[in-house]
Amino acid sequence: MDKIIKTIAEELNIKPSQVENTVKLIDEGNTIPFIARYRKEVTGGLSDEILRELGDRLNYLRNLEQRKEEVVKSIEEQGKLTDEILQAVAIAKTLAEVEDIYRPYKQKKKTRATVAKAKGLEPLAVIIIEQKETKPIKEIAKEYINIDKLSEEDKKNKDKAVNTEEEAIRRSFRYYSRRYFR
């Protein structure tokens, strides 16, 4: 919090004590017009324009610090956090800079296609769509049932387990058909 107060004081060219007192008033739920009109003695006579700018900047910097923490935590959970990344996030001054640092580590959205791919059903989808195979599709789909081959932990994971040939057919065709028929 001291870092935020110092930054705002430097940017607005006011005393850190003025910023600190104003932040306390804002955190107590006072509005900027109320502070400007009735709490001049606490803020050191800051104008409503400066108070508004202070409030906006306070909100932005708090959001920036929160986002930095989220990004560091996410990259750390992936096991890819390095000292260079940590330092880059720490010195970032804008949300855009933080997002640029995070972009290569951002988790992709989980779609039906990614779930089917994780289950190994992409080849089955290609077989279904190309319709070149002469064997019945249920026989082919039996090869993709993997519940017996998975570890106990993976068996509980819906994104990896394929229990029946119907599930294999349904998931592979539905998830990959959009890719071929757009």
Protein backbone atom coordinates (compact mmCIF):
# COMPACT_ATOMS: atom_id res chain seq x y z
CA MET A 1 0.00 0.00 0.00
CA ASP A 2 2.90 2.34 0.72
CA LYS A 3 4.07 1.84 -2.86
CA ILE A 4 0.67 2.91 -4.19
CA ILE A 5 0.56 5.97 -1.92
CA LYS A 6 4.07 6.98 -2.97
CA THR A 7 3.26 6.53 -6.67
CA ILE A 8 0.08 8.61 -6.46
CA ALA A 9 1.83 11.35 -4.48
CA GLU A 10 4.57 11.59 -7.10
CA GLU A 11 2.15 11.54 -10.04
CA LEU A 12 -0.17 14.19 -8.61
CA ASN A 13 2.66 16.20 -7.02
CA ILE A 14 1.09 16.19 -3.56
CA LYS A 15 2.26 15.07 -0.13
CA PRO A 16 2.11 11.35 0.73
CA SER A 17 0.21 12.25 3.92
CA GLN A 18 -2.53 13.86 1.82
CA VAL A 19 -2.79 10.73 -0.28
CA GLU A 20 -2.81 8.48 2.78
CA ASN A 21 -5.54 10.49 4.52
CA THR A 22 -7.66 10.58 1.37
CA VAL A 23 -7.25 6.83 0.82
CA LYS A 24 -8.46 6.22 4.38
CA LEU A 25 -11.55 8.37 3.73
CA ILE A 26 -12.26 6.56 0.45
CA ASP A 27 -11.81 3.16 2.11
CA GLU A 28 -14.29 4.20 4.82
CA GLY A 29 -16.89 4.61 2.08
CA ASN A 30 -16.86 8.38 1.66
CA THR A 31 -17.53 9.71 -1.82
CA ILE A 32 -15.23 12.13 -3.62
CA PRO A 33 -17.81 14.99 -3.54
CA PHE A 34 -18.29 14.48 0.22
CA ILE A 35 -14.53 14.43 0.84
CA ALA A 36 -14.00 17.53 -1.34
CA ARG A 37 -16.70 19.48 0.44
CA TYR A 38 -16.59 18.35 4.06
CA ARG A 39 -13.16 16.87 4.67
CA LYS A 40 -10.82 19.58 3.32
CA GLU A 41 -8.96 19.74 6.63
CA VAL A 42 -8.14 16.00 6.40
CA THR A 43 -7.00 16.11 2.76
CA GLY A 44 -5.02 19.29 3.10
CA GLY A 45 -7.37 21.25 0.87
CA LEU A 46 -7.17 19.06 -2.23
CA SER A 47 -9.53 20.13 -5.01
CA ASP A 48 -12.28 17.85 -6.24
CA GLU A 49 -10.41 17.38 -9.55
CA ILE A 50 -7.31 16.11 -7.79
CA LEU A 51 -9.44 13.96 -5.49
CA ARG A 52 -11.21 12.43 -8.48
CA GLU A 53 -7.90 11.74 -10.19
CA LEU A 54 -6.54 10.30 -6.94
CA GLY A 55 -9.58 8.01 -6.60
CA ASP A 56 -9.29 6.79 -10.19
CA ARG A 57 -5.56 6.21 -9.90
CA LEU A 58 -5.98 4.41 -6.57
CA ASN A 59 -8.52 2.06 -8.13
CA TYR A 60 -6.28 1.41 -11.15
CA LEU A 61 -3.15 0.75 -9.09
CA ARG A 62 -4.99 -1.60 -6.74
CA ASN A 63 -6.34 -3.54 -9.72
CA LEU A 64 -2.84 -3.60 -11.21
CA GLU A 65 -1.33 -5.05 -8.02
CA GLN A 66 -4.10 -7.64 -7.77
CA ARG A 67 -3.59 -8.69 -11.40
CA LYS A 68 0.17 -8.96 -10.88
CA GLU A 69 -0.45 -11.35 -7.99
CA GLU A 70 -2.88 -13.42 -10.08
CA VAL A 71 -0.44 -13.64 -13.00
CA VAL A 72 2.49 -14.67 -10.79
CA LYS A 73 0.33 -17.28 -9.06
CA SER A 74 -0.92 -18.70 -12.37
CA ILE A 75 2.56 -18.94 -13.89
CA GLU A 76 3.89 -20.45 -10.66
CA GLU A 77 1.15 -23.12 -10.67
CA GLN A 78 2.26 -24.08 -14.18
CA GLY A 79 5.83 -24.47 -12.87
CA LYS A 80 7.18 -21.91 -15.33
CA LEU A 81 7.92 -18.99 -12.99
CA THR A 82 11.47 -17.65 -13.29
CA ASP A 83 13.25 -14.75 -11.63
CA GLU A 84 13.12 -12.84 -14.93
CA ILE A 85 9.34 -13.18 -15.17
CA LEU A 86 8.94 -12.23 -11.52
CA GLN A 87 11.08 -9.14 -12.02
CA ALA A 88 9.28 -8.16 -15.24
CA VAL A 89 5.89 -8.39 -13.51
CA ALA A 90 7.16 -6.42 -10.52
CA ILE A 91 8.37 -3.47 -12.63
CA ALA A 92 5.34 -3.42 -14.96
CA LYS A 93 3.56 -0.07 -14.69
CA THR A 94 0.39 -0.85 -16.67
CA LEU A 95 -2.13 -3.66 -16.96
CA ALA A 96 -1.21 -3.97 -20.64
CA GLU A 97 2.42 -4.71 -19.74
CA VAL A 98 1.31 -7.37 -17.23
CA GLU A 99 -0.97 -8.99 -19.82
CA ASP A 100 1.86 -8.96 -22.40
CA ILE A 101 4.08 -10.83 -19.94
CA TYR A 102 1.29 -13.30 -19.15
CA ARG A 103 0.17 -13.96 -22.74
CA PRO A 104 2.57 -16.88 -23.46
CA TYR A 105 1.50 -18.60 -20.23
CA LYS A 106 -2.22 -17.98 -20.52
CA GLN A 107 -4.28 -21.14 -20.31
CA LYS A 108 -6.33 -21.89 -23.40
CA LYS A 109 -10.08 -22.20 -23.03
CA LYS A 110 -11.36 -25.74 -22.66
CA THR A 111 -13.53 -26.53 -25.66
CA ARG A 112 -15.23 -29.72 -26.73
CA ALA A 113 -12.54 -30.19 -29.34
CA THR A 114 -9.71 -29.91 -26.81
CA VAL A 115 -11.48 -32.40 -24.54
CA ALA A 116 -11.89 -34.86 -27.42
CA LYS A 117 -8.25 -34.37 -28.40
CA ALA A 118 -7.14 -35.01 -24.80
CA LYS A 119 -9.08 -38.27 -24.90
CA GLY A 120 -7.26 -39.26 -28.08
CA LEU A 121 -10.39 -39.17 -30.25
CA GLU A 122 -9.09 -37.04 -33.12
CA PRO A 123 -8.16 -40.04 -35.33
CA LEU A 124 -11.63 -41.50 -34.79
CA ALA A 125 -13.22 -38.21 -35.83
CA VAL A 126 -11.17 -38.22 -39.03
CA ILE A 127 -12.26 -41.81 -39.75
CA ILE A 128 -15.91 -40.87 -39.24
CA ILE A 129 -15.72 -37.75 -41.38
CA GLU A 130 -13.75 -39.31 -44.25
CA GLN A 131 -16.04 -42.39 -44.34
CA LYS A 132 -13.40 -44.57 -46.03
CA GLU A 133 -13.41 -47.38 -43.46
CA THR A 134 -15.45 -50.50 -44.25
CA LYS A 135 -15.59 -51.92 -40.70
CA PRO A 136 -18.61 -50.97 -38.57
CA ILE A 137 -17.98 -47.79 -36.65
CA LYS A 138 -18.71 -49.44 -33.29
CA GLU A 139 -15.86 -51.90 -33.86
CA ILE A 140 -13.48 -49.09 -34.67
CA ALA A 141 -14.68 -47.09 -31.65
CA LYS A 142 -13.92 -50.02 -29.31
CA GLU A 143 -10.23 -49.36 -29.93
CA TYR A 144 -10.64 -45.91 -28.33
CA ILE A 145 -12.14 -47.09 -25.04
CA ASN A 146 -9.35 -46.33 -22.62
CA ILE A 147 -10.86 -46.69 -19.15
CA ASP A 148 -8.92 -49.91 -18.44
CA LYS A 149 -5.60 -48.39 -19.55
CA LEU A 150 -5.78 -45.31 -17.31
CA SER A 151 -4.38 -44.81 -13.82
CA GLU A 152 -6.84 -44.56 -10.92
CA GLU A 153 -6.42 -40.77 -10.87
CA ASP A 154 -7.04 -40.43 -14.62
CA LYS A 155 -10.12 -42.68 -14.43
CA LYS A 156 -11.79 -40.02 -12.29
CA ASN A 157 -10.87 -37.29 -14.78
CA LYS A 158 -13.75 -36.78 -17.20
CA ASP A 159 -11.37 -35.12 -19.66
CA LYS A 160 -9.36 -38.31 -20.17
CA ALA A 161 -11.68 -41.29 -19.72
CA VAL A 162 -13.64 -42.88 -22.58
CA ASN A 163 -16.02 -45.50 -21.16
CA THR A 164 -18.05 -46.77 -24.12
CA GLU A 165 -17.91 -46.92 -27.90
CA GLU A 166 -21.03 -44.72 -28.05
CA GLU A 167 -19.25 -42.06 -26.02
CA ALA A 168 -16.21 -42.25 -28.29
CA ILE A 169 -18.33 -41.85 -31.43
CA ARG A 170 -20.52 -39.11 -30.01
CA ARG A 171 -17.67 -37.03 -28.62
CA SER A 172 -15.33 -37.40 -31.57
CA PHE A 173 -17.90 -36.61 -34.23
CA ARG A 174 -19.69 -33.82 -32.41
CA TYR A 175 -16.49 -32.10 -31.33
CA TYR A 176 -14.64 -32.33 -34.61
CA SER A 177 -17.52 -31.93 -37.05
CA ARG A 178 -17.50 -28.16 -36.59
CA ARG A 179 -13.89 -28.10 -37.68
CA TYR A 180 -14.64 -29.74 -41.02
CA PHE A 181 -18.05 -28.24 -41.83
CA ARG A 182 -17.46 -24.53 -41.27
